[in-house]
Amino acid sequence: MDEQKIREAAYRLWEKQGKPQGQDLEHWFTAENSVSEEDFDKPVPSSSERPALPKDKSADRAKGQKRKSVGN
C-alpha cells in the first residue's frame, strides 16, 4: 500500500470536513480503506502485460535426474 496516497487522501478528507482537530486517525483509517479499495478495483493485467517470472533453475536440474523410489 502506498503511504503517500493514504497521506494525500487523509488530507483531502480533513480539508473536506472543515479541518477539524483531533480526527486525524479517523481520516487516516478512512483514507487507508479507500486506497486499498482502489487497489482492488484496478483491472488485472493480461498475461502479455505482466512481467515474466524468474526462471526456476532447480526445476531444470530436476528434469535431468531420475526419481528415486522411496523404500526400495
N, C-alpha and C. Protein backbone atom coordinates (compact mmCIF):
# COMPACT_ATOMS: atom_id res chain seq x y z
N MET A 1 0.86 -1.18 0.00
CA MET A 1 0.00 0.00 0.00
C MET A 1 0.90 1.23 0.00
N ASP A 2 0.53 2.21 -0.74
CA ASP A 2 1.33 3.41 -0.91
C ASP A 2 0.98 4.44 0.16
N GLU A 3 1.92 4.68 1.07
CA GLU A 3 1.68 5.60 2.19
C GLU A 3 1.41 7.02 1.71
N GLN A 4 2.06 7.42 0.62
CA GLN A 4 1.85 8.78 0.10
C GLN A 4 0.40 8.96 -0.37
N LYS A 5 -0.16 7.96 -1.02
CA LYS A 5 -1.56 8.03 -1.45
C LYS A 5 -2.49 8.15 -0.25
N ILE A 6 -2.19 7.40 0.80
CA ILE A 6 -3.02 7.45 2.01
C ILE A 6 -2.93 8.84 2.63
N ARG A 7 -1.71 9.38 2.72
CA ARG A 7 -1.50 10.70 3.31
C ARG A 7 -2.29 11.76 2.55
N GLU A 8 -2.24 11.71 1.22
CA GLU A 8 -2.96 12.69 0.41
C GLU A 8 -4.47 12.55 0.54
N ALA A 9 -4.95 11.31 0.58
CA ALA A 9 -6.38 11.08 0.74
C ALA A 9 -6.87 11.55 2.10
N ALA A 10 -6.08 11.28 3.15
CA ALA A 10 -6.45 11.72 4.50
C ALA A 10 -6.49 13.25 4.57
N TYR A 11 -5.54 13.89 3.93
CA TYR A 11 -5.51 15.36 3.91
C TYR A 11 -6.74 15.93 3.21
N ARG A 12 -7.10 15.31 2.08
CA ARG A 12 -8.31 15.76 1.36
C ARG A 12 -9.55 15.59 2.22
N LEU A 13 -9.65 14.46 2.94
CA LEU A 13 -10.79 14.26 3.85
C LEU A 13 -10.82 15.33 4.94
N TRP A 14 -9.67 15.62 5.51
CA TRP A 14 -9.56 16.61 6.58
C TRP A 14 -10.03 17.98 6.07
N GLU A 15 -9.56 18.36 4.87
CA GLU A 15 -9.99 19.63 4.29
C GLU A 15 -11.48 19.65 3.99
N LYS A 16 -11.97 18.55 3.43
CA LYS A 16 -13.38 18.45 3.05
C LYS A 16 -14.30 18.58 4.26
N GLN A 17 -13.83 18.08 5.41
CA GLN A 17 -14.65 18.13 6.63
C GLN A 17 -14.42 19.41 7.44
N GLY A 18 -13.76 20.40 6.85
CA GLY A 18 -13.60 21.68 7.53
C GLY A 18 -12.39 21.76 8.44
N LYS A 19 -11.41 20.90 8.26
CA LYS A 19 -10.16 20.87 9.02
C LYS A 19 -10.37 20.73 10.53
N PRO A 20 -11.18 19.74 10.94
CA PRO A 20 -11.42 19.56 12.38
C PRO A 20 -10.17 19.04 13.10
N GLN A 21 -10.04 19.39 14.35
CA GLN A 21 -8.93 18.93 15.17
C GLN A 21 -9.27 17.61 15.84
N GLY A 22 -8.29 16.75 16.04
CA GLY A 22 -8.47 15.52 16.80
C GLY A 22 -9.09 14.35 16.05
N GLN A 23 -9.23 14.46 14.74
CA GLN A 23 -9.82 13.36 13.97
C GLN A 23 -8.83 12.78 12.97
N ASP A 24 -7.55 12.98 13.25
CA ASP A 24 -6.51 12.55 12.31
C ASP A 24 -6.51 11.05 12.09
N LEU A 25 -6.70 10.26 13.14
CA LEU A 25 -6.70 8.80 12.97
C LEU A 25 -7.92 8.34 12.18
N GLU A 26 -9.05 8.96 12.43
CA GLU A 26 -10.26 8.61 11.68
C GLU A 26 -10.05 8.89 10.19
N HIS A 27 -9.47 10.05 9.88
CA HIS A 27 -9.19 10.40 8.49
C HIS A 27 -8.18 9.44 7.89
N TRP A 28 -7.16 9.08 8.66
CA TRP A 28 -6.12 8.17 8.15
C TRP A 28 -6.72 6.80 7.81
N PHE A 29 -7.50 6.24 8.75
CA PHE A 29 -8.05 4.90 8.52
C PHE A 29 -9.07 4.91 7.39
N THR A 30 -9.86 5.96 7.29
CA THR A 30 -10.81 6.07 6.17
C THR A 30 -10.05 6.14 4.85
N ALA A 31 -9.00 6.94 4.82
CA ALA A 31 -8.19 7.06 3.60
C ALA A 31 -7.51 5.74 3.28
N GLU A 32 -7.01 5.06 4.30
CA GLU A 32 -6.34 3.77 4.09
C GLU A 32 -7.30 2.76 3.46
N ASN A 33 -8.53 2.73 3.95
CA ASN A 33 -9.54 1.82 3.38
C ASN A 33 -9.87 2.19 1.94
N SER A 34 -10.00 3.48 1.67
CA SER A 34 -10.36 3.88 0.31
C SER A 34 -9.22 3.60 -0.67
N VAL A 35 -7.98 3.78 -0.23
CA VAL A 35 -6.84 3.50 -1.11
C VAL A 35 -6.73 2.00 -1.36
N SER A 36 -6.95 1.17 -0.34
CA SER A 36 -6.87 -0.27 -0.55
C SER A 36 -7.99 -0.75 -1.46
N GLU A 37 -9.16 -0.13 -1.39
CA GLU A 37 -10.26 -0.47 -2.29
C GLU A 37 -9.90 -0.09 -3.73
N GLU A 38 -9.20 1.03 -3.89
CA GLU A 38 -8.77 1.44 -5.24
C GLU A 38 -7.85 0.39 -5.83
N ASP A 39 -6.97 -0.18 -4.99
CA ASP A 39 -6.04 -1.20 -5.46
C ASP A 39 -6.80 -2.43 -5.96
N PHE A 40 -7.90 -2.80 -5.29
CA PHE A 40 -8.67 -3.96 -5.70
C PHE A 40 -9.51 -3.66 -6.94
N ASP A 41 -9.82 -2.40 -7.16
CA ASP A 41 -10.64 -2.02 -8.32
C ASP A 41 -9.83 -1.95 -9.61
N LYS A 42 -8.50 -1.94 -9.51
CA LYS A 42 -7.67 -1.86 -10.70
C LYS A 42 -7.84 -3.14 -11.52
N PRO A 43 -7.89 -3.03 -12.84
CA PRO A 43 -8.00 -4.24 -13.66
C PRO A 43 -6.72 -5.07 -13.58
N VAL A 44 -6.88 -6.36 -13.65
CA VAL A 44 -5.75 -7.27 -13.62
C VAL A 44 -5.12 -7.27 -15.00
N PRO A 45 -3.81 -7.05 -15.10
CA PRO A 45 -3.19 -7.03 -16.43
C PRO A 45 -3.25 -8.40 -17.08
N SER A 46 -3.34 -8.41 -18.40
CA SER A 46 -3.35 -9.67 -19.13
C SER A 46 -1.97 -10.30 -19.04
N SER A 47 -1.86 -11.56 -19.40
CA SER A 47 -0.59 -12.26 -19.29
C SER A 47 0.49 -11.61 -20.14
N SER A 48 0.12 -10.98 -21.24
CA SER A 48 1.12 -10.32 -22.09
C SER A 48 1.63 -9.02 -21.46
N GLU A 49 0.85 -8.43 -20.53
CA GLU A 49 1.26 -7.19 -19.88
C GLU A 49 2.03 -7.43 -18.59
N ARG A 50 1.94 -8.63 -18.04
CA ARG A 50 2.64 -8.94 -16.79
C ARG A 50 4.11 -9.18 -17.05
N PRO A 51 4.96 -8.78 -16.10
CA PRO A 51 6.38 -9.09 -16.27
C PRO A 51 6.62 -10.59 -16.13
N ALA A 52 7.61 -11.08 -16.82
CA ALA A 52 7.93 -12.51 -16.77
C ALA A 52 8.49 -12.87 -15.40
N LEU A 53 8.13 -14.03 -14.91
CA LEU A 53 8.66 -14.50 -13.65
C LEU A 53 10.06 -15.06 -13.87
N PRO A 54 10.91 -14.94 -12.84
CA PRO A 54 12.26 -15.51 -13.00
C PRO A 54 12.18 -17.01 -13.15
N LYS A 55 13.06 -17.57 -13.97
CA LYS A 55 13.05 -18.99 -14.23
C LYS A 55 13.60 -19.74 -13.02
N ASP A 56 12.95 -20.82 -12.64
CA ASP A 56 13.36 -21.63 -11.51
C ASP A 56 14.39 -22.64 -12.00
N LYS A 57 15.64 -22.43 -11.64
CA LYS A 57 16.72 -23.29 -12.13
C LYS A 57 16.69 -24.67 -11.48
N SER A 58 16.12 -24.78 -10.30
CA SER A 58 16.07 -26.09 -9.64
C SER A 58 15.17 -27.05 -10.42
N ALA A 59 14.14 -26.52 -11.10
CA ALA A 59 13.26 -27.37 -11.90
C ALA A 59 14.03 -27.95 -13.09
N ASP A 60 14.92 -27.14 -13.69
CA ASP A 60 15.73 -27.63 -14.81
C ASP A 60 16.67 -28.74 -14.35
N ARG A 61 17.27 -28.58 -13.19
CA ARG A 61 18.17 -29.60 -12.69
C ARG A 61 17.42 -30.88 -12.39
N ALA A 62 16.21 -30.76 -11.89
CA ALA A 62 15.43 -31.94 -11.53
C ALA A 62 15.01 -32.74 -12.77
N LYS A 63 14.85 -32.08 -13.91
CA LYS A 63 14.43 -32.77 -15.12
C LYS A 63 15.45 -33.82 -15.55
N GLY A 64 16.71 -33.54 -15.34
CA GLY A 64 17.76 -34.45 -15.76
C GLY A 64 18.01 -35.60 -14.79
N GLN A 65 17.40 -35.57 -13.64
CA GLN A 65 17.65 -36.60 -12.63
C GLN A 65 16.48 -37.58 -12.59
N LYS A 66 16.81 -38.84 -12.37
CA LYS A 66 15.77 -39.85 -12.23
C LYS A 66 15.22 -39.77 -10.80
N ARG A 67 13.96 -40.07 -10.68
CA ARG A 67 13.34 -40.08 -9.35
C ARG A 67 13.76 -41.33 -8.59
N LYS A 68 14.07 -41.14 -7.36
CA LYS A 68 14.44 -42.28 -6.51
C LYS A 68 13.17 -42.83 -5.87
N SER A 69 13.08 -44.11 -5.83
CA SER A 69 11.92 -44.74 -5.18
C SER A 69 12.12 -44.68 -3.68
N VAL A 70 11.04 -44.44 -2.98
CA VAL A 70 11.10 -44.39 -1.53
C VAL A 70 10.84 -45.79 -1.00
N GLY A 71 11.75 -46.27 -0.16
CA GLY A 71 11.57 -47.56 0.48
C GLY A 71 12.04 -48.75 -0.35
N ASN A 72 12.63 -48.53 -1.49
CA ASN A 72 13.12 -49.64 -2.33
C ASN A 72 14.62 -49.72 -2.28
